[in-house]
């Protein structure tokens, strides 16, 4: 018999992220968001179930929601 720690899945919503990378016309990529989450001490043991979804807050906005 093997013991397992309980696992839970939570929903994380990150608000007010800049949609464009500074001084470029490139939008922020899921890889960048994943890297930031993995390197932030607050989320050090967090495992993402899927790649982050990045959407604009409003069609003409430069702010994104992850």
C-alpha atoms as a PDB file:
ATOM      1  CA  UNK A   1       0.000   0.000   0.000  1.00  0.00           C
ATOM      2  CA  UNK A   2       1.420   3.381  -0.970  1.00  0.00           C
ATOM      3  CA  UNK A   3       0.554   6.628   0.756  1.00  0.00           C
ATOM      4  CA  UNK A   4      -0.295   9.682  -1.289  1.00  0.00           C
ATOM      5  CA  UNK A   5      -0.731  13.252  -0.237  1.00  0.00           C
ATOM      6  CA  UNK A   6      -4.045  14.827  -1.162  1.00  0.00           C
ATOM      7  CA  UNK A   7      -4.002  16.908  -4.311  1.00  0.00           C
ATOM      8  CA  UNK A   8      -6.274  19.757  -5.141  1.00  0.00           C
ATOM      9  CA  UNK A   9      -6.842  21.749  -8.287  1.00  0.00           C
ATOM     10  CA  UNK A  10      -7.484  25.441  -8.069  1.00  0.00           C
ATOM     11  CA  UNK A  11      -8.306  28.174 -10.513  1.00  0.00           C
ATOM     12  CA  UNK A  12      -5.854  31.074 -10.645  1.00  0.00           C
ATOM     13  CA  UNK A  13      -6.756  34.360 -12.304  1.00  0.00           C
ATOM     14  CA  UNK A  14      -4.052  37.007 -12.714  1.00  0.00           C
ATOM     15  CA  UNK A  15      -5.320  40.506 -13.518  1.00  0.00           C
ATOM     16  CA  UNK A  16      -3.740  43.645 -14.978  1.00  0.00           C
ATOM     17  CA  UNK A  17      -0.827  42.107 -16.847  1.00  0.00           C
ATOM     18  CA  UNK A  18       0.594  44.205 -19.667  1.00  0.00           C
ATOM     19  CA  UNK A  19      -0.515  42.582 -22.934  1.00  0.00           C
ATOM     20  CA  UNK A  20       2.454  43.912 -24.900  1.00  0.00           C
ATOM     21  CA  UNK A  21       6.093  43.460 -23.974  1.00  0.00           C
ATOM     22  CA  UNK A  22       7.704  46.836 -23.222  1.00  0.00           C
ATOM     23  CA  UNK A  23       8.700  48.871 -26.304  1.00  0.00           C
ATOM     24  CA  UNK A  24       7.623  46.147 -28.759  1.00  0.00           C
ATOM     25  CA  UNK A  25       4.504  45.076 -30.590  1.00  0.00           C
ATOM     26  CA  UNK A  26       4.899  41.509 -29.298  1.00  0.00           C
ATOM     27  CA  UNK A  27       2.236  40.126 -27.021  1.00  0.00           C
ATOM     28  CA  UNK A  28       3.159  38.335 -23.842  1.00  0.00           C
ATOM     29  CA  UNK A  29       3.470  34.560 -24.394  1.00  0.00           C
ATOM     30  CA  UNK A  30       2.288  31.675 -22.193  1.00  0.00           C
ATOM     31  CA  UNK A  31       5.927  30.516 -21.858  1.00  0.00           C
ATOM     32  CA  UNK A  32       6.833  33.804 -20.168  1.00  0.00           C
ATOM     33  CA  UNK A  33       3.899  33.539 -17.754  1.00  0.00           C
ATOM     34  CA  UNK A  34       4.835  29.928 -16.912  1.00  0.00           C
ATOM     35  CA  UNK A  35       8.444  30.952 -16.250  1.00  0.00           C
ATOM     36  CA  UNK A  36       7.352  33.789 -13.935  1.00  0.00           C
ATOM     37  CA  UNK A  37       5.017  31.471 -11.996  1.00  0.00           C
ATOM     38  CA  UNK A  38       7.741  28.825 -11.618  1.00  0.00           C
ATOM     39  CA  UNK A  39      10.373  31.322 -10.447  1.00  0.00           C
ATOM     40  CA  UNK A  40       8.158  33.177  -7.962  1.00  0.00           C
ATOM     41  CA  UNK A  41       8.632  31.837  -4.421  1.00  0.00           C
ATOM     42  CA  UNK A  42       4.887  32.133  -3.736  1.00  0.00           C
ATOM     43  CA  UNK A  43       4.154  29.453  -6.365  1.00  0.00           C
ATOM     44  CA  UNK A  44       7.277  27.297  -5.916  1.00  0.00           C
ATOM     45  CA  UNK A  45       5.369  24.009  -5.466  1.00  0.00           C
ATOM     46  CA  UNK A  46       2.622  24.800  -7.970  1.00  0.00           C
ATOM     47  CA  UNK A  47       2.194  22.522 -10.969  1.00  0.00           C
ATOM     48  CA  UNK A  48       0.216  23.896 -13.876  1.00  0.00           C
ATOM     49  CA  UNK A  49      -2.364  21.533 -15.361  1.00  0.00           C
ATOM     50  CA  UNK A  50      -2.336  23.378 -18.694  1.00  0.00           C
ATOM     51  CA  UNK A  51      -0.648  26.301 -20.411  1.00  0.00           C
ATOM     52  CA  UNK A  52      -1.892  29.717 -19.251  1.00  0.00           C
ATOM     53  CA  UNK A  53      -4.573  31.339 -21.385  1.00  0.00           C
ATOM     54  CA  UNK A  54      -3.893  35.025 -22.076  1.00  0.00           C
ATOM     55  CA  UNK A  55      -6.749  37.270 -23.192  1.00  0.00           C
ATOM     56  CA  UNK A  56      -7.165  41.016 -23.504  1.00  0.00           C
ATOM     57  CA  UNK A  57      -9.313  42.625 -20.820  1.00  0.00           C
ATOM     58  CA  UNK A  58     -11.086  44.691 -23.498  1.00  0.00           C
ATOM     59  CA  UNK A  59     -10.661  44.572 -27.298  1.00  0.00           C
ATOM     60  CA  UNK A  60      -8.818  47.917 -27.465  1.00  0.00           C
ATOM     61  CA  UNK A  61      -7.002  47.515 -24.140  1.00  0.00           C
ATOM     62  CA  UNK A  62      -3.304  46.902 -23.537  1.00  0.00           C
ATOM     63  CA  UNK A  63      -4.086  45.002 -20.311  1.00  0.00           C
ATOM     64  CA  UNK A  64      -4.441  41.213 -20.208  1.00  0.00           C
ATOM     65  CA  UNK A  65      -5.983  38.609 -17.954  1.00  0.00           C
ATOM     66  CA  UNK A  66      -4.171  35.297 -17.463  1.00  0.00           C
END
